[in-house]
Amino acid sequence: MKIEELEIEGCWLLTSSLFNDERGSFREWFASEKIFDETSFRFETAQSNISTSKKGALRGLHYSLAPVGQSKIITCAFGSIVDVVVDIRPKSKTYKKSILTDLSGSEAKSILITTGLAHGFLSLEDRTVVTYQQTSAYSPSDEYGINPFDPELGIIWPNPSPILSQKDAMSITLSEAEQLGKLPL
């Protein structure tokens, strides 16, 4: 597994070997010791989730203020997405910076994000399957969202009219979240 630190502290691109043969393909997409050796970050899975999305579905930008924090590994198992990570830590040197990364089921790449980063993605194909490993369980009272079209973030999504949940469409801006004290310390 190759691990590359991206432009936001606490965000890495994980690239695994992909083995194809007449049966299909195989890849190792998570290896805790390799991740620890390269990042000094101990990732312990507390919950795993899978989403299936239609082409044009946008999920995010989500984050957690769980007291124990919440880091994630995001993998596109089938289909393809534009994955977006935003630094929402007000004291970070990369505060408000976003990273867009193409992930697909035909490539062996994942994104690892640590606490304090918001995450979202846009599905580029029907029946796109994305898996999430999380270091803390879902806690509705600790979960928040930033509007994916917040002009202050300047994210240019490849689809300007995506399918959004009502919750994501009604999400507040980063500035509003900061004013309300709803950002990571």
Foldseek 3Di string as FASTA:
>chain_A
DDWADDPFPQKIKDFWDWDQDPVGIDTDQDDQVVCCVVRVDRADFPDKDKDWDAAQAKDFQKAFPPVVFKKKKKAWQAAKKFKKKAQLDVPGPRHLAMDTDIHHNVGNMIMIGTGRITIMIGTRHHGTMMMMTMRDDDDVVGMAGAAPPQVSSVDDDPDPDGDYDPRNNPGHHSVVCVVVVNGHD
